[in-house]
Amino acid sequence: ADPIEQGGLIWAPANLVYNGNWPNGTYGFAANQGEQGNTWSLNNVKPSDTSNDQYGDPCALVAPAGTWRTPSYDDFAKIVRYANGEHGSVTNENTTFGSEITYFNGTENKKGQYFGTMTKPSVENQDKYLFLPHVINGYYTIKQEPYNGDKRSVLQLGDNYGSQFIHNLWEKELSSIRCVKN
């Protein structure tokens, strides 16, 4: 699948994955937008690890190295505004954003949210829009620079409708990552 342009950014075609056994595997993207990919703790390049002893940006390790990055709060705010047809800044982090929670590719096991449309696209057009699967409590990692103690922020997809920004989440809470580039 091709990367998806949304909100003035280029989003990876699917969630971040690590293929192979640590530390000799490779970083890449899941087979499609509906797949979960691996889970990650904040600023940790090792998947499903909460020790935080492997500090770095795992998106930057997708070949070619340095092309992709973990999205920032501002990056997610752009797609939230884009999804809502707004052009201002996001001021209330607890406001619900985006489209109805739906299913990817007509399946009942790939629940998530589309951005860039308020309705579910046809199967033929679904890869024209950013789809974030609802996995691991719906959490998506937001890169934090500089590192802020043991707390972090995430974009959380709702169970039935919309999404919101959550702050002060424990740094070791695992979440999905959808990489981005300018």
N, C-alpha and C. Protein backbone atom coordinates (compact mmCIF):
# COMPACT_ATOMS: atom_id res chain seq x y z
N ALA A 1 0.84 -1.19 0.00
CA ALA A 1 0.00 0.00 0.00
C ALA A 1 0.88 1.25 0.00
N ASP A 2 0.31 2.31 -0.49
CA ASP A 2 1.03 3.58 -0.58
C ASP A 2 0.81 4.41 0.68
N PRO A 3 1.75 5.31 1.01
CA PRO A 3 1.52 6.26 2.10
C PRO A 3 0.29 7.11 1.80
N ILE A 4 -0.28 7.72 2.84
CA ILE A 4 -1.52 8.48 2.71
C ILE A 4 -1.26 9.93 3.07
N GLU A 5 -1.60 10.83 2.17
CA GLU A 5 -1.45 12.25 2.44
C GLU A 5 -2.71 12.76 3.13
N GLN A 6 -2.51 13.38 4.29
CA GLN A 6 -3.65 13.85 5.08
C GLN A 6 -3.18 14.97 6.00
N GLY A 7 -3.91 16.06 6.00
CA GLY A 7 -3.57 17.17 6.90
C GLY A 7 -2.22 17.79 6.61
N GLY A 8 -1.78 17.76 5.35
CA GLY A 8 -0.50 18.34 4.97
C GLY A 8 0.70 17.49 5.31
N LEU A 9 0.48 16.24 5.72
CA LEU A 9 1.55 15.32 6.08
C LEU A 9 1.41 14.03 5.30
N ILE A 10 2.46 13.23 5.30
CA ILE A 10 2.41 11.90 4.67
C ILE A 10 2.46 10.88 5.80
N TRP A 11 1.39 10.07 5.89
CA TRP A 11 1.26 9.06 6.93
C TRP A 11 1.65 7.70 6.36
N ALA A 12 2.28 6.87 7.17
CA ALA A 12 2.67 5.53 6.76
C ALA A 12 1.43 4.76 6.30
N PRO A 13 1.61 3.79 5.40
CA PRO A 13 0.46 3.05 4.87
C PRO A 13 -0.21 2.14 5.90
N ALA A 14 0.44 1.89 7.05
CA ALA A 14 -0.13 1.05 8.11
C ALA A 14 0.68 1.26 9.39
N ASN A 15 0.26 0.64 10.47
CA ASN A 15 0.94 0.78 11.76
C ASN A 15 2.34 0.17 11.72
N LEU A 16 3.19 0.66 12.62
CA LEU A 16 4.58 0.22 12.72
C LEU A 16 4.67 -1.22 13.21
N VAL A 17 5.55 -2.00 12.56
CA VAL A 17 5.82 -3.38 12.98
C VAL A 17 7.32 -3.61 13.08
N TYR A 18 7.68 -4.61 13.86
CA TYR A 18 9.06 -5.08 13.94
C TYR A 18 9.03 -6.53 13.50
N ASN A 19 9.77 -6.86 12.45
CA ASN A 19 9.78 -8.21 11.88
C ASN A 19 11.06 -8.93 12.29
N GLY A 20 10.91 -10.11 12.88
CA GLY A 20 12.08 -10.90 13.28
C GLY A 20 12.30 -10.87 14.77
N ASN A 21 13.40 -11.46 15.18
CA ASN A 21 13.74 -11.54 16.60
C ASN A 21 14.66 -10.39 16.99
N TRP A 22 14.39 -9.81 18.17
CA TRP A 22 15.19 -8.71 18.68
C TRP A 22 16.61 -9.19 18.98
N PRO A 23 17.67 -8.47 18.64
CA PRO A 23 17.70 -7.17 17.99
C PRO A 23 18.04 -7.25 16.50
N ASN A 24 17.85 -8.41 15.87
CA ASN A 24 18.30 -8.60 14.49
C ASN A 24 17.21 -8.48 13.44
N GLY A 25 16.05 -7.97 13.81
CA GLY A 25 14.95 -7.84 12.87
C GLY A 25 14.97 -6.52 12.13
N THR A 26 13.87 -6.24 11.46
CA THR A 26 13.74 -5.00 10.69
C THR A 26 12.43 -4.30 11.05
N TYR A 27 12.41 -2.99 10.89
CA TYR A 27 11.23 -2.17 11.14
C TYR A 27 10.51 -1.95 9.81
N GLY A 28 9.20 -1.94 9.85
CA GLY A 28 8.42 -1.72 8.64
C GLY A 28 6.98 -1.42 9.02
N PHE A 29 6.06 -1.69 8.09
CA PHE A 29 4.66 -1.40 8.31
C PHE A 29 3.81 -2.65 8.10
N ALA A 30 2.69 -2.73 8.82
CA ALA A 30 1.78 -3.87 8.72
C ALA A 30 1.27 -4.01 7.28
N ALA A 31 0.67 -5.15 6.98
CA ALA A 31 0.22 -5.45 5.63
C ALA A 31 -0.87 -4.50 5.13
N ASN A 32 -1.71 -3.99 6.05
CA ASN A 32 -2.75 -3.03 5.64
C ASN A 32 -3.14 -2.17 6.83
N GLN A 33 -3.94 -1.16 6.58
CA GLN A 33 -4.31 -0.19 7.62
C GLN A 33 -5.12 -0.79 8.76
N GLY A 34 -5.77 -1.91 8.53
CA GLY A 34 -6.59 -2.52 9.56
C GLY A 34 -5.81 -3.35 10.55
N GLU A 35 -4.53 -3.61 10.29
CA GLU A 35 -3.71 -4.45 11.17
C GLU A 35 -3.16 -3.64 12.34
N GLN A 36 -3.05 -4.28 13.49
CA GLN A 36 -2.59 -3.62 14.71
C GLN A 36 -1.13 -3.20 14.64
N GLY A 37 -0.27 -4.05 14.12
CA GLY A 37 1.16 -3.80 14.23
C GLY A 37 1.62 -4.15 15.63
N ASN A 38 2.86 -3.81 15.97
CA ASN A 38 3.38 -4.06 17.31
C ASN A 38 2.91 -2.97 18.27
N THR A 39 3.15 -3.19 19.54
CA THR A 39 2.86 -2.17 20.54
C THR A 39 4.19 -1.65 21.09
N TRP A 40 4.17 -0.38 21.54
CA TRP A 40 5.40 0.32 21.90
C TRP A 40 5.18 1.15 23.15
N SER A 41 6.19 1.25 24.00
CA SER A 41 6.15 2.21 25.09
C SER A 41 6.85 3.49 24.60
N LEU A 42 6.72 4.55 25.35
CA LEU A 42 7.19 5.86 24.93
C LEU A 42 8.69 5.88 24.65
N ASN A 43 9.06 6.37 23.47
CA ASN A 43 10.46 6.55 23.07
C ASN A 43 11.30 5.29 23.23
N ASN A 44 10.73 4.14 22.90
CA ASN A 44 11.42 2.87 23.04
C ASN A 44 11.44 2.19 21.67
N VAL A 45 12.61 1.80 21.20
CA VAL A 45 12.73 1.17 19.88
C VAL A 45 12.46 -0.33 19.91
N LYS A 46 12.34 -0.90 21.11
CA LYS A 46 12.06 -2.33 21.23
C LYS A 46 10.56 -2.53 21.43
N PRO A 47 9.90 -3.31 20.56
CA PRO A 47 8.45 -3.48 20.69
C PRO A 47 8.06 -4.26 21.94
N SER A 48 6.87 -3.93 22.46
CA SER A 48 6.27 -4.63 23.61
C SER A 48 7.18 -4.67 24.82
N ASP A 49 8.04 -3.67 24.97
CA ASP A 49 9.00 -3.62 26.07
C ASP A 49 8.71 -2.40 26.93
N THR A 50 8.60 -2.58 28.22
CA THR A 50 8.32 -1.45 29.10
C THR A 50 9.52 -1.05 29.95
N SER A 51 10.69 -1.60 29.67
CA SER A 51 11.88 -1.26 30.47
C SER A 51 12.46 0.10 30.09
N ASN A 52 12.15 0.56 28.88
CA ASN A 52 12.66 1.84 28.37
C ASN A 52 14.19 1.92 28.37
N ASP A 53 14.85 0.78 28.18
CA ASP A 53 16.30 0.81 28.11
C ASP A 53 16.81 0.87 26.67
N GLN A 54 15.90 0.92 25.72
CA GLN A 54 16.25 1.02 24.30
C GLN A 54 15.68 2.32 23.74
N TYR A 55 16.18 3.46 24.24
CA TYR A 55 15.64 4.78 23.93
C TYR A 55 15.85 5.15 22.47
N GLY A 56 14.83 5.74 21.86
CA GLY A 56 14.93 6.26 20.51
C GLY A 56 13.56 6.29 19.84
N ASP A 57 13.55 6.73 18.60
CA ASP A 57 12.32 6.80 17.81
C ASP A 57 12.27 5.60 16.88
N PRO A 58 11.38 4.62 17.12
CA PRO A 58 11.34 3.43 16.27
C PRO A 58 10.97 3.73 14.82
N CYS A 59 10.20 4.79 14.58
CA CYS A 59 9.85 5.14 13.20
C CYS A 59 11.08 5.52 12.39
N ALA A 60 12.05 6.15 13.04
CA ALA A 60 13.26 6.58 12.35
C ALA A 60 14.10 5.40 11.89
N LEU A 61 13.79 4.19 12.36
CA LEU A 61 14.57 3.00 11.99
C LEU A 61 13.97 2.22 10.83
N VAL A 62 12.82 2.68 10.30
CA VAL A 62 12.25 2.07 9.09
C VAL A 62 13.14 2.48 7.92
N ALA A 63 13.50 1.53 7.06
CA ALA A 63 14.37 1.82 5.91
C ALA A 63 13.61 2.65 4.87
N PRO A 64 14.28 3.64 4.27
CA PRO A 64 15.61 4.13 4.61
C PRO A 64 15.58 4.91 5.93
N ALA A 65 16.55 4.65 6.77
CA ALA A 65 16.60 5.22 8.12
C ALA A 65 16.52 6.74 8.09
N GLY A 66 15.77 7.30 9.04
CA GLY A 66 15.65 8.75 9.16
C GLY A 66 14.55 9.37 8.30
N THR A 67 13.82 8.56 7.54
CA THR A 67 12.76 9.07 6.68
C THR A 67 11.47 9.34 7.45
N TRP A 68 11.12 8.42 8.36
CA TRP A 68 9.88 8.49 9.11
C TRP A 68 10.15 8.93 10.54
N ARG A 69 9.10 9.38 11.24
CA ARG A 69 9.21 9.76 12.64
C ARG A 69 7.89 9.47 13.35
N THR A 70 7.95 9.38 14.68
CA THR A 70 6.73 9.24 15.47
C THR A 70 5.99 10.58 15.43
N PRO A 71 4.69 10.58 15.22
CA PRO A 71 3.95 11.85 15.12
C PRO A 71 3.94 12.64 16.42
N SER A 72 3.93 13.94 16.29
CA SER A 72 3.84 14.85 17.42
C SER A 72 2.37 15.17 17.71
N TYR A 73 2.14 15.87 18.79
CA TYR A 73 0.79 16.36 19.11
C TYR A 73 0.26 17.21 17.95
N ASP A 74 1.11 18.11 17.43
CA ASP A 74 0.69 18.97 16.32
C ASP A 74 0.32 18.17 15.07
N ASP A 75 1.04 17.07 14.82
CA ASP A 75 0.72 16.22 13.66
C ASP A 75 -0.68 15.63 13.80
N PHE A 76 -0.99 15.07 14.98
CA PHE A 76 -2.32 14.51 15.19
C PHE A 76 -3.39 15.61 15.19
N ALA A 77 -3.06 16.77 15.73
CA ALA A 77 -4.02 17.88 15.72
C ALA A 77 -4.38 18.27 14.29
N LYS A 78 -3.42 18.16 13.37
CA LYS A 78 -3.71 18.49 11.96
C LYS A 78 -4.73 17.54 11.36
N ILE A 79 -4.62 16.24 11.64
CA ILE A 79 -5.60 15.32 11.04
C ILE A 79 -6.94 15.42 11.74
N VAL A 80 -6.94 15.77 13.02
CA VAL A 80 -8.20 15.97 13.73
C VAL A 80 -8.92 17.17 13.13
N ARG A 81 -8.21 18.28 12.92
CA ARG A 81 -8.82 19.46 12.29
C ARG A 81 -9.25 19.13 10.88
N TYR A 82 -8.41 18.40 10.14
CA TYR A 82 -8.72 18.02 8.76
C TYR A 82 -9.98 17.16 8.72
N ALA A 83 -10.10 16.23 9.66
CA ALA A 83 -11.27 15.35 9.70
C ALA A 83 -12.54 16.14 9.96
N ASN A 84 -12.43 17.20 10.76
CA ASN A 84 -13.60 18.00 11.10
C ASN A 84 -13.83 19.16 10.15
N GLY A 85 -12.96 19.34 9.16
CA GLY A 85 -13.08 20.45 8.24
C GLY A 85 -12.76 21.78 8.88
N GLU A 86 -12.03 21.76 9.98
CA GLU A 86 -11.67 22.98 10.68
C GLU A 86 -10.27 23.43 10.28
N HIS A 87 -9.98 24.70 10.51
CA HIS A 87 -8.66 25.21 10.15
C HIS A 87 -7.98 25.91 11.32
N GLY A 88 -8.64 26.00 12.46
CA GLY A 88 -8.05 26.63 13.63
C GLY A 88 -7.23 25.64 14.44
N SER A 89 -6.84 26.06 15.62
CA SER A 89 -6.06 25.16 16.47
C SER A 89 -6.99 24.38 17.40
N VAL A 90 -6.52 23.25 17.86
CA VAL A 90 -7.27 22.44 18.81
C VAL A 90 -7.03 23.04 20.19
N THR A 91 -8.08 23.45 20.87
CA THR A 91 -7.91 24.11 22.16
C THR A 91 -8.35 23.26 23.33
N ASN A 92 -9.29 22.36 23.15
CA ASN A 92 -9.77 21.53 24.25
C ASN A 92 -9.39 20.09 23.97
N GLU A 93 -8.39 19.60 24.68
CA GLU A 93 -7.87 18.26 24.42
C GLU A 93 -8.85 17.16 24.77
N ASN A 94 -9.90 17.46 25.50
CA ASN A 94 -10.87 16.44 25.87
C ASN A 94 -12.12 16.46 24.99
N THR A 95 -12.09 17.22 23.93
CA THR A 95 -13.21 17.26 22.99
C THR A 95 -13.14 16.05 22.07
N THR A 96 -14.28 15.51 21.71
CA THR A 96 -14.32 14.37 20.80
C THR A 96 -14.19 14.85 19.36
N PHE A 97 -13.39 14.15 18.58
CA PHE A 97 -13.11 14.53 17.20
C PHE A 97 -13.38 13.38 16.24
N GLY A 98 -13.55 13.70 14.98
CA GLY A 98 -13.49 12.70 13.92
C GLY A 98 -14.78 11.97 13.62
N SER A 99 -14.64 10.93 12.83
CA SER A 99 -15.78 10.21 12.29
C SER A 99 -16.20 9.06 13.19
N GLU A 100 -17.32 8.47 12.84
CA GLU A 100 -17.84 7.32 13.57
C GLU A 100 -16.86 6.15 13.51
N ILE A 101 -16.77 5.39 14.60
CA ILE A 101 -15.96 4.18 14.60
C ILE A 101 -16.63 3.18 13.66
N THR A 102 -15.85 2.57 12.79
CA THR A 102 -16.40 1.69 11.77
C THR A 102 -15.45 0.52 11.56
N TYR A 103 -15.65 -0.22 10.49
CA TYR A 103 -14.82 -1.39 10.22
C TYR A 103 -14.07 -1.22 8.91
N PHE A 104 -12.83 -1.68 8.89
CA PHE A 104 -11.98 -1.60 7.72
C PHE A 104 -12.24 -2.77 6.79
N ASN A 105 -12.36 -2.50 5.51
CA ASN A 105 -12.47 -3.54 4.49
C ASN A 105 -13.68 -4.45 4.69
N GLY A 106 -14.73 -3.91 5.29
CA GLY A 106 -15.95 -4.66 5.46
C GLY A 106 -15.88 -5.79 6.45
N THR A 107 -14.81 -5.85 7.26
CA THR A 107 -14.69 -6.95 8.23
C THR A 107 -15.26 -6.52 9.57
N GLU A 108 -15.60 -7.47 10.39
CA GLU A 108 -16.11 -7.17 11.73
C GLU A 108 -15.02 -7.24 12.78
N ASN A 109 -13.77 -7.47 12.38
CA ASN A 109 -12.70 -7.59 13.37
C ASN A 109 -11.63 -6.51 13.23
N LYS A 110 -11.85 -5.53 12.39
CA LYS A 110 -10.88 -4.46 12.20
C LYS A 110 -11.55 -3.11 12.43
N LYS A 111 -11.98 -2.89 13.65
CA LYS A 111 -12.68 -1.68 14.04
C LYS A 111 -11.68 -0.53 14.16
N GLY A 112 -12.10 0.67 13.76
CA GLY A 112 -11.23 1.82 13.85
C GLY A 112 -11.92 3.08 13.38
N GLN A 113 -11.12 4.09 13.03
CA GLN A 113 -11.65 5.39 12.65
C GLN A 113 -10.94 5.92 11.42
N TYR A 114 -11.73 6.44 10.48
CA TYR A 114 -11.19 7.10 9.29
C TYR A 114 -11.01 8.59 9.57
N PHE A 115 -9.96 9.16 8.99
CA PHE A 115 -9.75 10.60 9.02
C PHE A 115 -9.72 11.10 7.59
N GLY A 116 -10.29 12.27 7.35
CA GLY A 116 -10.38 12.82 6.00
C GLY A 116 -11.73 12.60 5.37
N THR A 117 -12.61 11.90 6.06
CA THR A 117 -13.98 11.67 5.63
C THR A 117 -14.84 11.44 6.86
N MET A 118 -16.06 11.87 6.80
CA MET A 118 -16.98 11.65 7.92
C MET A 118 -17.86 10.43 7.68
N THR A 119 -17.70 9.78 6.53
CA THR A 119 -18.47 8.58 6.22
C THR A 119 -17.50 7.46 5.86
N LYS A 120 -17.97 6.24 5.98
CA LYS A 120 -17.13 5.10 5.64
C LYS A 120 -16.96 5.03 4.13
N PRO A 121 -15.71 5.04 3.64
CA PRO A 121 -15.50 4.96 2.18
C PRO A 121 -15.75 3.54 1.67
N SER A 122 -15.96 3.46 0.37
CA SER A 122 -16.12 2.14 -0.25
C SER A 122 -14.80 1.38 -0.15
N VAL A 123 -14.86 0.08 -0.31
CA VAL A 123 -13.65 -0.75 -0.26
C VAL A 123 -12.64 -0.26 -1.29
N GLU A 124 -13.11 0.15 -2.47
CA GLU A 124 -12.21 0.62 -3.53
C GLU A 124 -11.49 1.91 -3.14
N ASN A 125 -12.11 2.72 -2.28
CA ASN A 125 -11.54 4.03 -1.93
C ASN A 125 -10.97 4.10 -0.52
N GLN A 126 -11.03 3.02 0.24
CA GLN A 126 -10.64 3.10 1.66
C GLN A 126 -9.18 3.46 1.88
N ASP A 127 -8.28 3.12 0.96
CA ASP A 127 -6.87 3.44 1.15
C ASP A 127 -6.53 4.87 0.74
N LYS A 128 -7.53 5.65 0.33
CA LYS A 128 -7.32 7.06 0.05
C LYS A 128 -7.41 7.89 1.34
N TYR A 129 -7.90 7.26 2.42
CA TYR A 129 -8.10 7.94 3.69
C TYR A 129 -7.29 7.26 4.78
N LEU A 130 -6.87 8.04 5.74
CA LEU A 130 -6.14 7.49 6.88
C LEU A 130 -7.11 6.73 7.78
N PHE A 131 -6.80 5.46 8.07
CA PHE A 131 -7.59 4.64 8.97
C PHE A 131 -6.70 4.19 10.11
N LEU A 132 -7.12 4.48 11.34
CA LEU A 132 -6.39 4.03 12.51
C LEU A 132 -7.20 2.93 13.18
N PRO A 133 -6.67 1.70 13.23
CA PRO A 133 -7.40 0.64 13.90
C PRO A 133 -7.48 0.86 15.40
N HIS A 134 -8.59 0.47 15.98
CA HIS A 134 -8.83 0.62 17.42
C HIS A 134 -8.22 -0.58 18.14
N VAL A 135 -7.00 -0.41 18.62
CA VAL A 135 -6.29 -1.48 19.32
C VAL A 135 -5.66 -0.91 20.58
N ILE A 136 -5.34 -1.77 21.53
CA ILE A 136 -4.67 -1.38 22.78
C ILE A 136 -5.35 -0.14 23.39
N ASN A 137 -6.58 -0.28 23.78
CA ASN A 137 -7.37 0.81 24.37
C ASN A 137 -7.55 1.99 23.41
N GLY A 138 -7.26 1.80 22.14
CA GLY A 138 -7.38 2.87 21.16
C GLY A 138 -6.26 3.88 21.24
N TYR A 139 -5.16 3.57 21.94
CA TYR A 139 -4.08 4.53 22.15
C TYR A 139 -3.11 4.57 20.96
N TYR A 140 -2.73 5.79 20.57
CA TYR A 140 -1.67 6.02 19.58
C TYR A 140 -0.63 6.95 20.19
N THR A 141 0.63 6.53 20.12
CA THR A 141 1.73 7.27 20.72
C THR A 141 1.91 8.64 20.08
N ILE A 142 2.15 9.63 20.93
CA ILE A 142 2.53 10.98 20.51
C ILE A 142 3.95 11.20 21.00
N LYS A 143 4.84 11.55 20.07
CA LYS A 143 6.25 11.79 20.44
C LYS A 143 6.33 13.00 21.36
N GLN A 144 7.12 12.86 22.40
CA GLN A 144 7.30 13.96 23.33
C GLN A 144 8.76 14.35 23.40
N GLU A 145 9.05 15.57 23.07
CA GLU A 145 10.39 16.13 23.17
C GLU A 145 10.28 17.46 23.90
N PRO A 146 11.01 17.72 24.92
CA PRO A 146 11.88 16.74 25.56
C PRO A 146 11.05 15.75 26.37
N TYR A 147 11.68 14.67 26.75
CA TYR A 147 11.05 13.64 27.55
C TYR A 147 10.55 14.24 28.86
N ASN A 148 9.34 13.89 29.28
CA ASN A 148 8.71 14.54 30.42
C ASN A 148 8.41 13.54 31.54
N GLY A 149 9.45 13.10 32.25
CA GLY A 149 9.26 12.22 33.39
C GLY A 149 8.57 10.92 33.02
N ASP A 150 7.63 10.48 33.85
CA ASP A 150 6.98 9.20 33.61
C ASP A 150 5.57 9.36 33.02
N LYS A 151 5.27 10.50 32.43
CA LYS A 151 3.94 10.75 31.86
C LYS A 151 4.07 11.05 30.37
N ARG A 152 3.01 10.79 29.63
CA ARG A 152 3.00 11.10 28.20
C ARG A 152 1.58 11.35 27.74
N SER A 153 1.46 11.77 26.49
CA SER A 153 0.16 12.04 25.87
C SER A 153 -0.08 11.02 24.77
N VAL A 154 -1.35 10.75 24.50
CA VAL A 154 -1.73 9.86 23.40
C VAL A 154 -2.97 10.41 22.72
N LEU A 155 -3.20 9.97 21.49
CA LEU A 155 -4.49 10.14 20.84
C LEU A 155 -5.25 8.86 21.14
N GLN A 156 -6.45 8.98 21.70
CA GLN A 156 -7.24 7.79 22.02
C GLN A 156 -8.48 7.77 21.14
N LEU A 157 -8.64 6.67 20.39
CA LEU A 157 -9.86 6.48 19.62
C LEU A 157 -10.96 6.03 20.56
N GLY A 158 -12.15 6.55 20.35
CA GLY A 158 -13.29 6.15 21.17
C GLY A 158 -13.77 4.76 20.82
N ASP A 159 -14.56 4.17 21.71
CA ASP A 159 -15.12 2.85 21.44
C ASP A 159 -16.20 2.88 20.37
N ASN A 160 -16.96 3.95 20.33
CA ASN A 160 -18.07 4.03 19.39
C ASN A 160 -18.03 5.24 18.47
N TYR A 161 -17.46 6.35 18.93
CA TYR A 161 -17.47 7.56 18.11
C TYR A 161 -16.33 8.47 18.52
N GLY A 162 -15.62 8.99 17.54
CA GLY A 162 -14.65 10.03 17.76
C GLY A 162 -13.37 9.62 18.46
N SER A 163 -12.55 10.63 18.73
CA SER A 163 -11.27 10.43 19.39
C SER A 163 -10.97 11.64 20.25
N GLN A 164 -10.01 11.51 21.13
CA GLN A 164 -9.64 12.62 21.99
C GLN A 164 -8.17 12.51 22.37
N PHE A 165 -7.60 13.63 22.82
CA PHE A 165 -6.25 13.62 23.33
C PHE A 165 -6.30 13.35 24.83
N ILE A 166 -5.44 12.44 25.29
CA ILE A 166 -5.35 12.10 26.70
C ILE A 166 -3.93 12.46 27.16
N HIS A 167 -3.84 13.15 28.28
CA HIS A 167 -2.54 13.55 28.81
C HIS A 167 -2.27 12.83 30.14
N ASN A 168 -1.02 12.80 30.52
CA ASN A 168 -0.59 12.20 31.79
C ASN A 168 -0.83 10.70 31.86
N LEU A 169 -0.66 10.02 30.75
CA LEU A 169 -0.73 8.57 30.73
C LEU A 169 0.65 8.02 31.11
N TRP A 170 0.68 6.91 31.81
CA TRP A 170 1.93 6.29 32.24
C TRP A 170 2.82 6.02 31.04
N GLU A 171 4.11 6.34 31.13
CA GLU A 171 5.05 6.21 30.01
C GLU A 171 5.19 4.78 29.50
N LYS A 172 4.96 3.79 30.36
CA LYS A 172 5.18 2.40 29.97
C LYS A 172 3.92 1.74 29.41
N GLU A 173 2.82 2.48 29.33
CA GLU A 173 1.59 1.97 28.72
C GLU A 173 1.88 1.71 27.25
N LEU A 174 1.57 0.52 26.77
CA LEU A 174 1.85 0.17 25.38
C LEU A 174 0.78 0.73 24.45
N SER A 175 1.20 1.16 23.27
CA SER A 175 0.27 1.70 22.29
C SER A 175 0.80 1.46 20.87
N SER A 176 -0.07 1.67 19.91
CA SER A 176 0.32 1.55 18.50
C SER A 176 1.00 2.82 18.04
N ILE A 177 1.73 2.71 16.94
CA ILE A 177 2.35 3.89 16.32
C ILE A 177 2.04 3.88 14.83
N ARG A 178 1.59 5.03 14.30
CA ARG A 178 1.48 5.24 12.86
C ARG A 178 2.49 6.32 12.53
N CYS A 179 3.53 5.97 11.82
CA CYS A 179 4.62 6.89 11.50
C CYS A 179 4.17 7.95 10.51
N VAL A 180 4.92 9.05 10.46
CA VAL A 180 4.59 10.19 9.62
C VAL A 180 5.88 10.80 9.08
N LYS A 181 5.76 11.53 7.97
CA LYS A 181 6.87 12.33 7.45
C LYS A 181 6.28 13.56 6.79
N ASN A 182 7.13 14.59 6.62
CA ASN A 182 6.67 15.84 6.00
C ASN A 182 6.67 15.75 4.51
